[in-house]
Amino acid sequence: MQAQAELLSLPQALAGMFTHGCADYVRAVRGIRWGDGPIHVLTDPRSHSAGLLARYAIEDLLHRPVILREATSFLAYSLATLRTGSPVIAVSGEIESADLLQAIQAVRSNGAQVLAVAPAASPLVKAVHHLFPLPEVAGASATGLARACLEHAAMGYLAIIAARQFTRPTPVLQRLEKDWAELPSDLDKIASQFANAVRSLSQQLAALRKAFLAGAGFQYAAALRAAAAGGHRGPDPPLAVDFARLNSGWLEALGSETGALFLTGSRSRSREAATALAREIKQRGAPIFAVTDAQDHELSRHARIILLLPDRAELPASVLALALAGWVVRDATARPSAARS
């Protein structure tokens, strides 16, 4: 499986990022004047889910408001809202965006401080003040699912470093950092041990007419990117929704030939909402699947197939969920489906 091969290359890259490259990342974060106003996050369409994760992580850990914009809409509607000296974080997707580069140049002209999350060879490097570099994988820039996981991991790591530098230590942050350090080994276990489980779940999803990927907060960001892992293959690719939208706008679409894959966990702040929604969906006769951890007992009672992650805090768990759900979606969309034909 190509997705599995991509994931197998990730642990070493992440381990280097968290150890040998740590000083460079700290220097990049400290180099920005963070000020006391809103923090702007600019993305291109492919990296928007990573920007969403950054928004949740920065607001959660630094207690600072974040304004998230895709570069094209930012240039059209939001440039005038930027304050001189405002911190701007730009995250580049796999395909470099001319609009993102233009947006970075525009905010620099307005006196903003810009930090880019991108490969060291990116054209954005010359346009920004500081670089938070995405590590290479096997000697080259990461692509596909590996690139998606790296973007999400980089944005989470940026928020953790900023919290470590600019906030007081708390037991919650200390536990988060401990869980975060396990990310490379957790990803290694997923990539090397989950092939059969992924195959079973992808067969179930491929047999459905419609599949939803549902999550909240960090896990919704993971669902957005995982749903796109299969590209546009098939007549009706998976749709990512947050729990509130699934509950308010899509319940009527669920039945025996449609189903939902929940991305959640026992430490998710939306755990109760996930359980209540799963109960409702099951009553409608729709199959439910889950990527969660072994402590999520209530949701486990409703799911047909469960892929069990290590018990981690929401932020690192969402990166693991992206890796696993993206692998499932990639495999499912590559399969022929009688239900969708």
C-alpha atoms as a PDB file:
ATOM      1  CA  MET A   1       0.000   0.000   0.000  1.00  0.00           C
ATOM      2  CA  GLN A   2       1.354   3.409  -0.954  1.00  0.00           C
ATOM      3  CA  ALA A   3      -0.252   5.090   2.078  1.00  0.00           C
ATOM      4  CA  GLN A   4       1.403   2.603   4.418  1.00  0.00           C
ATOM      5  CA  ALA A   5       4.787   3.209   2.788  1.00  0.00           C
ATOM      6  CA  GLU A   6       4.327   6.960   3.231  1.00  0.00           C
ATOM      7  CA  LEU A   7       3.486   6.531   6.917  1.00  0.00           C
ATOM      8  CA  LEU A   8       6.426   4.206   7.543  1.00  0.00           C
ATOM      9  CA  SER A   9       8.731   7.048   6.517  1.00  0.00           C
ATOM     10  CA  LEU A  10       7.283   9.507   9.034  1.00  0.00           C
ATOM     11  CA  PRO A  11       8.536   8.437  12.489  1.00  0.00           C
ATOM     12  CA  GLN A  12      12.192   9.117  11.751  1.00  0.00           C
ATOM     13  CA  ALA A  13      11.402  12.532  10.264  1.00  0.00           C
ATOM     14  CA  LEU A  14       9.279  13.501  13.270  1.00  0.00           C
ATOM     15  CA  ALA A  15      11.838  12.203  15.770  1.00  0.00           C
ATOM     16  CA  GLY A  16      14.468  14.423  14.153  1.00  0.00           C
ATOM     17  CA  MET A  17      12.075  17.346  14.171  1.00  0.00           C
ATOM     18  CA  PHE A  18      11.432  16.991  17.912  1.00  0.00           C
ATOM     19  CA  THR A  19      15.084  16.450  18.901  1.00  0.00           C
ATOM     20  CA  HIS A  20      17.865  17.604  16.548  1.00  0.00           C
ATOM     21  CA  GLY A  21      15.751  20.364  15.019  1.00  0.00           C
ATOM     22  CA  CYS A  22      14.197  21.575  18.259  1.00  0.00           C
ATOM     23  CA  ALA A  23      16.545  24.553  18.735  1.00  0.00           C
ATOM     24  CA  ASP A  24      15.819  25.834  15.220  1.00  0.00           C
ATOM     25  CA  TYR A  25      12.072  25.643  15.817  1.00  0.00           C
ATOM     26  CA  VAL A  26      12.343  27.429  19.158  1.00  0.00           C
ATOM     27  CA  ARG A  27      14.440  30.160  17.495  1.00  0.00           C
ATOM     28  CA  ALA A  28      11.790  30.611  14.779  1.00  0.00           C
ATOM     29  CA  VAL A  29       8.968  30.921  17.317  1.00  0.00           C
ATOM     30  CA  ARG A  30      10.905  33.338  19.540  1.00  0.00           C
ATOM     31  CA  GLY A  31      11.887  35.422  16.525  1.00  0.00           C
ATOM     32  CA  ILE A  32       8.324  36.609  15.974  1.00  0.00           C
ATOM     33  CA  ARG A  33       6.902  39.584  17.887  1.00  0.00           C
ATOM     34  CA  TRP A  34       3.718  37.951  19.157  1.00  0.00           C
ATOM     35  CA  GLY A  35       2.237  41.115  20.658  1.00  0.00           C
ATOM     36  CA  ASP A  36      -1.132  40.966  22.386  1.00  0.00           C
ATOM     37  CA  GLY A  37      -3.588  41.118  19.480  1.00  0.00           C
ATOM     38  CA  PRO A  38      -5.027  38.460  17.193  1.00  0.00           C
ATOM     39  CA  ILE A  39      -2.724  35.984  15.489  1.00  0.00           C
ATOM     40  CA  HIS A  40      -3.384  35.541  11.777  1.00  0.00           C
ATOM     41  CA  VAL A  41      -3.036  32.166  10.075  1.00  0.00           C
ATOM     42  CA  LEU A  42      -2.919  32.107   6.273  1.00  0.00           C
ATOM     43  CA  THR A  43      -3.313  28.929   4.237  1.00  0.00           C
ATOM     44  CA  ASP A  44      -3.841  27.705   0.734  1.00  0.00           C
ATOM     45  CA  PRO A  45      -6.745  25.323  -0.005  1.00  0.00           C
ATOM     46  CA  ARG A  46      -4.666  22.167   0.547  1.00  0.00           C
ATOM     47  CA  SER A  47      -3.240  23.295   3.886  1.00  0.00           C
ATOM     48  CA  HIS A  48      -6.431  24.737   5.353  1.00  0.00           C
ATOM     49  CA  SER A  49      -6.990  21.809   7.713  1.00  0.00           C
ATOM     50  CA  ALA A  50      -3.512  22.356   9.199  1.00  0.00           C
ATOM     51  CA  GLY A  51      -4.399  26.014   9.665  1.00  0.00           C
ATOM     52  CA  LEU A  52      -7.588  24.980  11.452  1.00  0.00           C
ATOM     53  CA  LEU A  53      -5.573  22.766  13.790  1.00  0.00           C
ATOM     54  CA  ALA A  54      -3.240  25.703  14.471  1.00  0.00           C
ATOM     55  CA  ARG A  55      -6.199  27.912  15.301  1.00  0.00           C
ATOM     56  CA  TYR A  56      -7.572  25.443  17.853  1.00  0.00           C
ATOM     57  CA  ALA A  57      -4.116  24.735  19.332  1.00  0.00           C
ATOM     58  CA  ILE A  58      -3.053  28.379  19.705  1.00  0.00           C
ATOM     59  CA  GLU A  59      -6.379  29.451  21.169  1.00  0.00           C
ATOM     60  CA  ASP A  60      -6.347  26.478  23.537  1.00  0.00           C
ATOM     61  CA  LEU A  61      -2.720  26.692  24.692  1.00  0.00           C
ATOM     62  CA  LEU A  62      -1.925  30.421  24.422  1.00  0.00           C
ATOM     63  CA  HIS A  63      -5.441  31.758  25.022  1.00  0.00           C
ATOM     64  CA  ARG A  64      -5.023  34.127  22.086  1.00  0.00           C
ATOM     65  CA  PRO A  65      -7.612  34.750  19.358  1.00  0.00           C
ATOM     66  CA  VAL A  66      -6.700  33.409  15.924  1.00  0.00           C
ATOM     67  CA  ILE A  67      -7.997  34.693  12.601  1.00  0.00           C
ATOM     68  CA  LEU A  68      -7.811  31.895  10.029  1.00  0.00           C
ATOM     69  CA  ARG A  69      -8.076  32.785   6.347  1.00  0.00           C
ATOM     70  CA  GLU A  70      -7.404  31.080   3.054  1.00  0.00           C
ATOM     71  CA  ALA A  71      -5.031  33.344   1.112  1.00  0.00           C
ATOM     72  CA  THR A  72      -7.359  34.156  -1.795  1.00  0.00           C
ATOM     73  CA  SER A  73     -10.226  35.306   0.436  1.00  0.00           C
ATOM     74  CA  PHE A  74      -7.790  37.131   2.732  1.00  0.00           C
ATOM     75  CA  LEU A  75      -6.511  39.219  -0.177  1.00  0.00           C
ATOM     76  CA  ALA A  76     -10.058  39.933  -1.333  1.00  0.00           C
ATOM     77  CA  TYR A  77     -11.684  40.804   1.982  1.00  0.00           C
ATOM     78  CA  SER A  78      -9.423  40.836   5.037  1.00  0.00           C
ATOM     79  CA  LEU A  79      -6.106  42.542   4.308  1.00  0.00           C
ATOM     80  CA  ALA A  80      -7.337  45.851   5.723  1.00  0.00           C
ATOM     81  CA  THR A  81      -7.999  44.226   9.121  1.00  0.00           C
ATOM     82  CA  LEU A  82      -4.297  43.506   9.688  1.00  0.00           C
ATOM     83  CA  ARG A  83      -2.617  45.612  12.380  1.00  0.00           C
ATOM     84  CA  THR A  84       0.963  46.811  11.900  1.00  0.00           C
ATOM     85  CA  GLY A  85       3.334  44.353  13.578  1.00  0.00           C
ATOM     86  CA  SER A  86       0.722  41.587  13.816  1.00  0.00           C
ATOM     87  CA  PRO A  87       2.094  38.033  13.881  1.00  0.00           C
ATOM     88  CA  VAL A  88       1.177  35.988  10.803  1.00  0.00           C
ATOM     89  CA  ILE A  89       1.694  32.249  10.395  1.00  0.00           C
ATOM     90  CA  ALA A  90       1.557  30.971   6.814  1.00  0.00           C
ATOM     91  CA  VAL A  91       1.325  27.266   6.074  1.00  0.00           C
ATOM     92  CA  SER A  92       1.946  26.009   2.556  1.00  0.00           C
ATOM     93  CA  GLY A  93       0.296  22.995   1.004  1.00  0.00           C
ATOM     94  CA  GLU A  94       2.017  20.433  -1.179  1.00  0.00           C
ATOM     95  CA  ILE A  95       1.338  22.467  -4.335  1.00  0.00           C
ATOM     96  CA  GLU A  96       2.773  25.946  -3.859  1.00  0.00           C
ATOM     97  CA  SER A  97       0.114  28.659  -4.094  1.00  0.00           C
ATOM     98  CA  ALA A  98       0.774  31.931  -5.917  1.00  0.00           C
ATOM     99  CA  ASP A  99      -2.018  33.534  -3.869  1.00  0.00           C
ATOM    100  CA  LEU A 100      -0.358  32.515  -0.598  1.00  0.00           C
ATOM    101  CA  LEU A 101       2.930  34.053  -1.723  1.00  0.00           C
ATOM    102  CA  GLN A 102       1.085  37.224  -2.757  1.00  0.00           C
ATOM    103  CA  ALA A 103      -0.695  37.355   0.603  1.00  0.00           C
ATOM    104  CA  ILE A 104       2.619  37.007   2.465  1.00  0.00           C
ATOM    105  CA  GLN A 105       4.149  39.824   0.427  1.00  0.00           C
ATOM    106  CA  ALA A 106       1.100  41.984   1.109  1.00  0.00           C
ATOM    107  CA  VAL A 107       1.152  41.470   4.887  1.00  0.00           C
ATOM    108  CA  ARG A 108       4.900  42.148   5.007  1.00  0.00           C
ATOM    109  CA  SER A 109       4.289  45.416   3.185  1.00  0.00           C
ATOM    110  CA  ASN A 110       1.807  46.252   5.942  1.00  0.00           C
ATOM    111  CA  GLY A 111       4.446  45.675   8.621  1.00  0.00           C
ATOM    112  CA  ALA A 112       3.402  42.191   9.755  1.00  0.00           C
ATOM    113  CA  GLN A 113       5.828  39.616  11.161  1.00  0.00           C
ATOM    114  CA  VAL A 114       5.573  36.419   9.092  1.00  0.00           C
ATOM    115  CA  LEU A 115       6.548  32.891  10.070  1.00  0.00           C
ATOM    116  CA  ALA A 116       6.140  30.212   7.382  1.00  0.00           C
ATOM    117  CA  VAL A 117       5.549  26.503   7.880  1.00  0.00           C
ATOM    118  CA  ALA A 118       6.938  25.020   4.674  1.00  0.00           C
ATOM    119  CA  PRO A 119       9.824  22.937   3.291  1.00  0.00           C
ATOM    120  CA  ALA A 120      13.228  24.614   3.330  1.00  0.00           C
ATOM    121  CA  ALA A 121      13.212  24.686  -0.491  1.00  0.00           C
ATOM    122  CA  SER A 122       9.846  26.468  -0.707  1.00  0.00           C
ATOM    123  CA  PRO A 123       9.647  29.763  -2.655  1.00  0.00           C
ATOM    124  CA  LEU A 124       7.955  31.222   0.439  1.00  0.00           C
ATOM    125  CA  VAL A 125      11.236  31.163   2.375  1.00  0.00           C
ATOM    126  CA  LYS A 126      12.598  34.332   0.758  1.00  0.00           C
ATOM    127  CA  ALA A 127       9.367  36.219   1.482  1.00  0.00           C
ATOM    128  CA  VAL A 128       9.083  35.566   5.243  1.00  0.00           C
ATOM    129  CA  HIS A 129      10.940  36.627   8.375  1.00  0.00           C
ATOM    130  CA  HIS A 130      11.278  33.178   9.910  1.00  0.00           C
ATOM    131  CA  LEU A 131      10.863  29.577   8.762  1.00  0.00           C
ATOM    132  CA  PHE A 132       9.417  26.662  10.726  1.00  0.00           C
ATOM    133  CA  PRO A 133      10.705  24.026   8.273  1.00  0.00           C
ATOM    134  CA  LEU A 134       8.886  20.821   7.396  1.00  0.00           C
ATOM    135  CA  PRO A 135      11.498  18.043   7.549  1.00  0.00           C
ATOM    136  CA  GLU A 136      12.368  15.989   4.522  1.00  0.00           C
ATOM    137  CA  VAL A 137      11.296  12.367   4.345  1.00  0.00           C
ATOM    138  CA  ALA A 138      13.799   9.906   2.914  1.00  0.00           C
ATOM    139  CA  GLY A 139      15.863  12.781   1.540  1.00  0.00           C
ATOM    140  CA  ALA A 140      13.050  14.569  -0.295  1.00  0.00           C
ATOM    141  CA  SER A 141      10.057  16.796   0.408  1.00  0.00           C
ATOM    142  CA  ALA A 142       7.162  14.771   1.779  1.00  0.00           C
ATOM    143  CA  THR A 143       4.124  14.140  -0.400  1.00  0.00           C
ATOM    144  CA  GLY A 144       0.633  12.742  -0.016  1.00  0.00           C
ATOM    145  CA  LEU A 145      -0.483  11.482   3.371  1.00  0.00           C
ATOM    146  CA  ALA A 146       2.996  11.933   4.860  1.00  0.00           C
ATOM    147  CA  ARG A 147       2.922  15.622   3.904  1.00  0.00           C
ATOM    148  CA  ALA A 148      -0.540  16.031   5.452  1.00  0.00           C
ATOM    149  CA  CYS A 149       0.599  14.490   8.736  1.00  0.00           C
ATOM    150  CA  LEU A 150       3.760  16.608   8.785  1.00  0.00           C
ATOM    151  CA  GLU A 151       1.772  19.819   8.277  1.00  0.00           C
ATOM    152  CA  HIS A 152      -0.561  18.976  11.157  1.00  0.00           C
ATOM    153  CA  ALA A 153       2.300  17.863  13.385  1.00  0.00           C
ATOM    154  CA  ALA A 154       4.276  21.027  12.617  1.00  0.00           C
ATOM    155  CA  MET A 155       1.364  23.302  13.493  1.00  0.00           C
ATOM    156  CA  GLY A 156       0.754  21.427  16.731  1.00  0.00           C
ATOM    157  CA  TYR A 157       4.451  21.547  17.600  1.00  0.00           C
ATOM    158  CA  LEU A 158       4.580  25.278  16.873  1.00  0.00           C
ATOM    159  CA  ALA A 159       1.708  25.866  19.321  1.00  0.00           C
ATOM    160  CA  ILE A 160       3.346  23.711  21.999  1.00  0.00           C
ATOM    161  CA  ILE A 161       6.677  25.531  21.659  1.00  0.00           C
ATOM    162  CA  ALA A 162       4.924  28.909  21.836  1.00  0.00           C
ATOM    163  CA  ALA A 163       3.020  27.807  24.952  1.00  0.00           C
ATOM    164  CA  ARG A 164       6.272  26.581  26.525  1.00  0.00           C
ATOM    165  CA  GLN A 165       7.976  29.922  25.781  1.00  0.00           C
ATOM    166  CA  PHE A 166       5.216  32.398  26.596  1.00  0.00           C
ATOM    167  CA  THR A 167       2.933  30.831  29.225  1.00  0.00           C
ATOM    168  CA  ARG A 168       3.440  29.477  32.710  1.00  0.00           C
ATOM    169  CA  PRO A 169       3.991  25.710  33.033  1.00  0.00           C
ATOM    170  CA  THR A 170       0.860  23.791  33.948  1.00  0.00           C
ATOM    171  CA  PRO A 171       0.189  20.100  34.593  1.00  0.00           C
ATOM    172  CA  VAL A 172      -1.977  20.039  31.447  1.00  0.00           C
ATOM    173  CA  LEU A 173       0.850  21.357  29.259  1.00  0.00           C
ATOM    174  CA  GLN A 174       3.340  18.966  30.857  1.00  0.00           C
ATOM    175  CA  ARG A 175       1.077  15.983  30.159  1.00  0.00           C
ATOM    176  CA  LEU A 176       0.551  17.206  26.603  1.00  0.00           C
ATOM    177  CA  GLU A 177       4.296  17.457  25.997  1.00  0.00           C
ATOM    178  CA  LYS A 178       4.788  13.955  27.364  1.00  0.00           C
ATOM    179  CA  ASP A 179       2.138  12.579  24.998  1.00  0.00           C
ATOM    180  CA  TRP A 180       3.547  14.631  22.111  1.00  0.00           C
ATOM    181  CA  ALA A 181       6.975  13.047  22.558  1.00  0.00           C
ATOM    182  CA  GLU A 182       5.374   9.635  21.894  1.00  0.00           C
ATOM    183  CA  LEU A 183       4.078  10.683  18.467  1.00  0.00           C
ATOM    184  CA  PRO A 184       6.935   9.151  16.396  1.00  0.00           C
ATOM    185  CA  SER A 185       6.711   5.762  18.118  1.00  0.00           C
ATOM    186  CA  ASP A 186       2.898   5.814  18.004  1.00  0.00           C
ATOM    187  CA  LEU A 187       2.964   6.483  14.247  1.00  0.00           C
ATOM    188  CA  ASP A 188       5.490   3.690  13.778  1.00  0.00           C
ATOM    189  CA  LYS A 189       3.125   1.232  15.483  1.00  0.00           C
ATOM    190  CA  ILE A 190       0.203   2.374  13.339  1.00  0.00           C
ATOM    191  CA  ALA A 191       2.126   2.101  10.080  1.00  0.00           C
ATOM    192  CA  SER A 192       3.613  -1.305  10.891  1.00  0.00           C
ATOM    193  CA  GLN A 193       0.749  -3.052  12.699  1.00  0.00           C
ATOM    194  CA  PHE A 194      -2.586  -1.758  11.339  1.00  0.00           C
ATOM    195  CA  ALA A 195      -2.630  -3.032   7.748  1.00  0.00           C
ATOM    196  CA  ASN A 196      -5.238  -5.768   8.347  1.00  0.00           C
ATOM    197  CA  ALA A 197      -7.495  -3.477  10.398  1.00  0.00           C
ATOM    198  CA  VAL A 198      -7.275  -0.763   7.741  1.00  0.00           C
ATOM    199  CA  ARG A 199      -8.166  -3.287   5.057  1.00  0.00           C
ATOM    200  CA  SER A 200     -11.265  -4.456   6.969  1.00  0.00           C
ATOM    201  CA  LEU A 201     -12.547  -0.933   7.556  1.00  0.00           C
ATOM    202  CA  SER A 202     -11.787   0.275   4.031  1.00  0.00           C
ATOM    203  CA  GLN A 203     -13.795  -2.634   2.611  1.00  0.00           C
ATOM    204  CA  GLN A 204     -16.779  -1.568   4.716  1.00  0.00           C
ATOM    205  CA  LEU A 205     -16.516   2.070   3.631  1.00  0.00           C
ATOM    206  CA  ALA A 206     -16.095   1.149  -0.026  1.00  0.00           C
ATOM    207  CA  ALA A 207     -19.385  -0.786   0.102  1.00  0.00           C
ATOM    208  CA  LEU A 208     -21.346   2.310   1.176  1.00  0.00           C
ATOM    209  CA  ARG A 209     -23.044   4.755  -1.158  1.00  0.00           C
ATOM    210  CA  LYS A 210     -21.907   7.619   1.064  1.00  0.00           C
ATOM    211  CA  ALA A 211     -19.447   7.867   3.938  1.00  0.00           C
ATOM    212  CA  PHE A 212     -19.036  10.731   6.395  1.00  0.00           C
ATOM    213  CA  LEU A 213     -15.908  11.446   8.422  1.00  0.00           C
ATOM    214  CA  ALA A 214     -16.981  13.187  11.608  1.00  0.00           C
ATOM    215  CA  GLY A 215     -15.051  14.853  14.414  1.00  0.00           C
ATOM    216  CA  ALA A 216     -14.862  17.996  16.534  1.00  0.00           C
ATOM    217  CA  GLY A 217     -12.061  20.446  17.196  1.00  0.00           C
ATOM    218  CA  PHE A 218      -8.656  18.945  16.456  1.00  0.00           C
ATOM    219  CA  GLN A 219     -10.321  15.784  15.198  1.00  0.00           C
ATOM    220  CA  TYR A 220     -12.473  17.729  12.741  1.00  0.00           C
ATOM    221  CA  ALA A 221      -9.285  19.186  11.271  1.00  0.00           C
ATOM    222  CA  ALA A 222      -8.003  15.606  10.932  1.00  0.00           C
ATOM    223  CA  ALA A 223     -11.286  14.509   9.318  1.00  0.00           C
ATOM    224  CA  LEU A 224     -11.076  17.318   6.749  1.00  0.00           C
ATOM    225  CA  ARG A 225      -7.633  16.275   5.603  1.00  0.00           C
ATOM    226  CA  ALA A 226      -8.302  12.538   5.805  1.00  0.00           C
ATOM    227  CA  ALA A 227     -11.418  12.870   3.636  1.00  0.00           C
ATOM    228  CA  ALA A 228      -9.271  14.446   0.923  1.00  0.00           C
ATOM    229  CA  ALA A 229      -6.688  11.648   1.049  1.00  0.00           C
ATOM    230  CA  GLY A 230      -8.406   9.699  -1.691  1.00  0.00           C
ATOM    231  CA  GLY A 231      -8.532  12.639  -4.077  1.00  0.00           C
ATOM    232  CA  HIS A 232     -11.669  12.836  -6.211  1.00  0.00           C
ATOM    233  CA  ARG A 233     -11.780   9.199  -7.205  1.00  0.00           C
ATOM    234  CA  GLY A 234     -15.247   7.683  -7.300  1.00  0.00           C
ATOM    235  CA  PRO A 235     -18.613   9.367  -7.899  1.00  0.00           C
ATOM    236  CA  ASP A 236     -19.194  10.311  -4.255  1.00  0.00           C
ATOM    237  CA  PRO A 237     -16.008  10.716  -2.168  1.00  0.00           C
ATOM    238  CA  PRO A 238     -16.184  10.833   1.651  1.00  0.00           C
ATOM    239  CA  LEU A 239     -17.435  14.060   3.201  1.00  0.00           C
ATOM    240  CA  ALA A 240     -15.905  15.545   6.358  1.00  0.00           C
ATOM    241  CA  VAL A 241     -18.318  17.186   8.805  1.00  0.00           C
ATOM    242  CA  ASP A 242     -18.096  18.289  12.397  1.00  0.00           C
ATOM    243  CA  PHE A 243     -20.466  16.726  14.902  1.00  0.00           C
ATOM    244  CA  ALA A 244     -22.742  19.780  15.045  1.00  0.00           C
ATOM    245  CA  ARG A 245     -23.184  19.889  11.272  1.00  0.00           C
ATOM    246  CA  LEU A 246     -23.748  16.146  11.061  1.00  0.00           C
ATOM    247  CA  ASN A 247     -26.398  16.405  13.771  1.00  0.00           C
ATOM    248  CA  SER A 248     -28.194  19.410  12.303  1.00  0.00           C
ATOM    249  CA  GLY A 249     -27.935  18.883   8.566  1.00  0.00           C
ATOM    250  CA  TRP A 250     -27.112  15.313   7.592  1.00  0.00           C
ATOM    251  CA  LEU A 251     -28.953  12.883   9.876  1.00  0.00           C
ATOM    252  CA  GLU A 252     -31.722  12.379   7.341  1.00  0.00           C
ATOM    253  CA  ALA A 253     -29.152  11.193   4.796  1.00  0.00           C
ATOM    254  CA  LEU A 254     -27.984   8.350   7.035  1.00  0.00           C
ATOM    255  CA  GLY A 255     -29.316   4.842   6.541  1.00  0.00           C
ATOM    256  CA  SER A 256     -28.263   1.298   5.776  1.00  0.00           C
ATOM    257  CA  GLU A 257     -26.251   2.335   2.716  1.00  0.00           C
ATOM    258  CA  THR A 258     -24.607   5.382   4.295  1.00  0.00           C
ATOM    259  CA  GLY A 259     -22.372   5.459   7.337  1.00  0.00           C
ATOM    260  CA  ALA A 260     -20.081   7.543   9.496  1.00  0.00           C
ATOM    261  CA  LEU A 261     -16.490   7.155  10.629  1.00  0.00           C
ATOM    262  CA  PHE A 262     -16.025   8.967  13.947  1.00  0.00           C
ATOM    263  CA  LEU A 263     -12.640  10.427  14.877  1.00  0.00           C
ATOM    264  CA  THR A 264     -12.600  10.997  18.620  1.00  0.00           C
ATOM    265  CA  GLY A 265     -11.105   9.774  21.894  1.00  0.00           C
ATOM    266  CA  SER A 266     -11.685   9.318  25.593  1.00  0.00           C
ATOM    267  CA  ARG A 267      -9.967  12.657  26.318  1.00  0.00           C
ATOM    268  CA  SER A 268     -11.899  14.580  23.680  1.00  0.00           C
ATOM    269  CA  ARG A 269     -13.946  17.485  24.992  1.00  0.00           C
ATOM    270  CA  SER A 270     -16.665  16.421  22.533  1.00  0.00           C
ATOM    271  CA  ARG A 271     -16.785  12.845  23.789  1.00  0.00           C
ATOM    272  CA  GLU A 272     -20.340  13.058  25.123  1.00  0.00           C
ATOM    273  CA  ALA A 273     -21.592  14.700  21.929  1.00  0.00           C
ATOM    274  CA  ALA A 274     -19.968  11.940  19.891  1.00  0.00           C
ATOM    275  CA  THR A 275     -21.624   9.220  21.946  1.00  0.00           C
ATOM    276  CA  ALA A 276     -25.080  10.812  21.743  1.00  0.00           C
ATOM    277  CA  LEU A 277     -24.743  11.303  17.985  1.00  0.00           C
ATOM    278  CA  ALA A 278     -23.551   7.739  17.472  1.00  0.00           C
ATOM    279  CA  ARG A 279     -26.556   6.452  19.382  1.00  0.00           C
ATOM    280  CA  GLU A 280     -28.909   8.466  17.156  1.00  0.00           C
ATOM    281  CA  ILE A 281     -27.213   7.299  13.960  1.00  0.00           C
ATOM    282  CA  LYS A 282     -27.315   3.675  15.027  1.00  0.00           C
ATOM    283  CA  GLN A 283     -31.051   3.941  15.688  1.00  0.00           C
ATOM    284  CA  ARG A 284     -31.450   5.021  12.073  1.00  0.00           C
ATOM    285  CA  GLY A 285     -29.851   1.774  10.924  1.00  0.00           C
ATOM    286  CA  ALA A 286     -26.649   3.360   9.629  1.00  0.00           C
ATOM    287  CA  PRO A 287     -23.296   1.704  10.304  1.00  0.00           C
ATOM    288  CA  ILE A 288     -20.864   3.505  12.584  1.00  0.00           C
ATOM    289  CA  PHE A 289     -17.107   3.064  12.622  1.00  0.00           C
ATOM    290  CA  ALA A 290     -14.598   4.724  14.915  1.00  0.00           C
ATOM    291  CA  VAL A 291     -10.981   5.737  15.275  1.00  0.00           C
ATOM    292  CA  THR A 292     -10.595   6.239  19.021  1.00  0.00           C
ATOM    293  CA  ASP A 293      -8.811   4.758  22.032  1.00  0.00           C
ATOM    294  CA  ALA A 294      -9.580   1.807  24.273  1.00  0.00           C
ATOM    295  CA  GLN A 295     -10.904   4.035  27.076  1.00  0.00           C
ATOM    296  CA  ASP A 296     -13.738   5.350  24.920  1.00  0.00           C
ATOM    297  CA  HIS A 297     -16.135   2.669  26.153  1.00  0.00           C
ATOM    298  CA  GLU A 298     -19.453   4.358  25.364  1.00  0.00           C
ATOM    299  CA  LEU A 299     -18.716   4.985  21.688  1.00  0.00           C
ATOM    300  CA  SER A 300     -17.301   1.480  21.339  1.00  0.00           C
ATOM    301  CA  ARG A 301     -20.739   0.029  22.114  1.00  0.00           C
ATOM    302  CA  HIS A 302     -22.181   1.618  18.973  1.00  0.00           C
ATOM    303  CA  ALA A 303     -19.384   1.078  16.450  1.00  0.00           C
ATOM    304  CA  ARG A 304     -19.229  -1.850  14.029  1.00  0.00           C
ATOM    305  CA  ILE A 305     -15.446  -1.606  13.615  1.00  0.00           C
ATOM    306  CA  ILE A 306     -13.064   0.301  15.890  1.00  0.00           C
ATOM    307  CA  LEU A 307      -9.434   1.132  15.171  1.00  0.00           C
ATOM    308  CA  LEU A 308      -7.813   1.703  18.548  1.00  0.00           C
ATOM    309  CA  LEU A 309      -5.250   4.464  18.985  1.00  0.00           C
ATOM    310  CA  PRO A 310      -3.031   4.896  22.043  1.00  0.00           C
ATOM    311  CA  ASP A 311      -4.653   6.928  24.809  1.00  0.00           C
ATOM    312  CA  ARG A 312      -3.282  10.417  24.127  1.00  0.00           C
ATOM    313  CA  ALA A 313      -4.269  14.049  24.569  1.00  0.00           C
ATOM    314  CA  GLU A 314      -6.518  15.492  21.861  1.00  0.00           C
ATOM    315  CA  LEU A 315      -3.797  17.273  19.895  1.00  0.00           C
ATOM    316  CA  PRO A 316      -1.400  14.340  19.309  1.00  0.00           C
ATOM    317  CA  ALA A 317      -4.355  11.959  19.012  1.00  0.00           C
ATOM    318  CA  SER A 318      -5.665  14.021  16.094  1.00  0.00           C
ATOM    319  CA  VAL A 319      -2.397  13.578  14.172  1.00  0.00           C
ATOM    320  CA  LEU A 320      -2.603   9.821  14.741  1.00  0.00           C
ATOM    321  CA  ALA A 321      -6.244   9.844  13.649  1.00  0.00           C
ATOM    322  CA  LEU A 322      -5.330  11.710  10.464  1.00  0.00           C
ATOM    323  CA  ALA A 323      -2.691   9.106   9.619  1.00  0.00           C
ATOM    324  CA  LEU A 324      -5.021   6.189  10.218  1.00  0.00           C
ATOM    325  CA  ALA A 325      -8.209   7.648   8.725  1.00  0.00           C
ATOM    326  CA  GLY A 326      -6.303   8.995   5.716  1.00  0.00           C
ATOM    327  CA  TRP A 327      -4.889   5.527   5.121  1.00  0.00           C
ATOM    328  CA  VAL A 328      -8.393   4.032   5.344  1.00  0.00           C
ATOM    329  CA  VAL A 329      -9.852   6.579   2.916  1.00  0.00           C
ATOM    330  CA  ARG A 330      -6.994   6.124   0.450  1.00  0.00           C
ATOM    331  CA  ASP A 331      -7.536   2.363   0.469  1.00  0.00           C
ATOM    332  CA  ALA A 332     -11.348   2.611   0.319  1.00  0.00           C
ATOM    333  CA  THR A 333     -11.434   4.991  -2.656  1.00  0.00           C
ATOM    334  CA  ALA A 334      -9.054   2.749  -4.571  1.00  0.00           C
ATOM    335  CA  ARG A 335     -11.475  -0.167  -4.297  1.00  0.00           C
ATOM    336  CA  PRO A 336     -14.328  -0.874  -6.747  1.00  0.00           C
ATOM    337  CA  SER A 337     -17.677  -0.376  -5.068  1.00  0.00           C
ATOM    338  CA  ALA A 338     -20.851  -2.066  -6.188  1.00  0.00           C
ATOM    339  CA  ALA A 339     -22.880   0.229  -3.957  1.00  0.00           C
ATOM    340  CA  ARG A 340     -21.567   3.371  -5.665  1.00  0.00           C
ATOM    341  CA  SER A 341     -21.632   2.070  -9.199  1.00  0.00           C
END
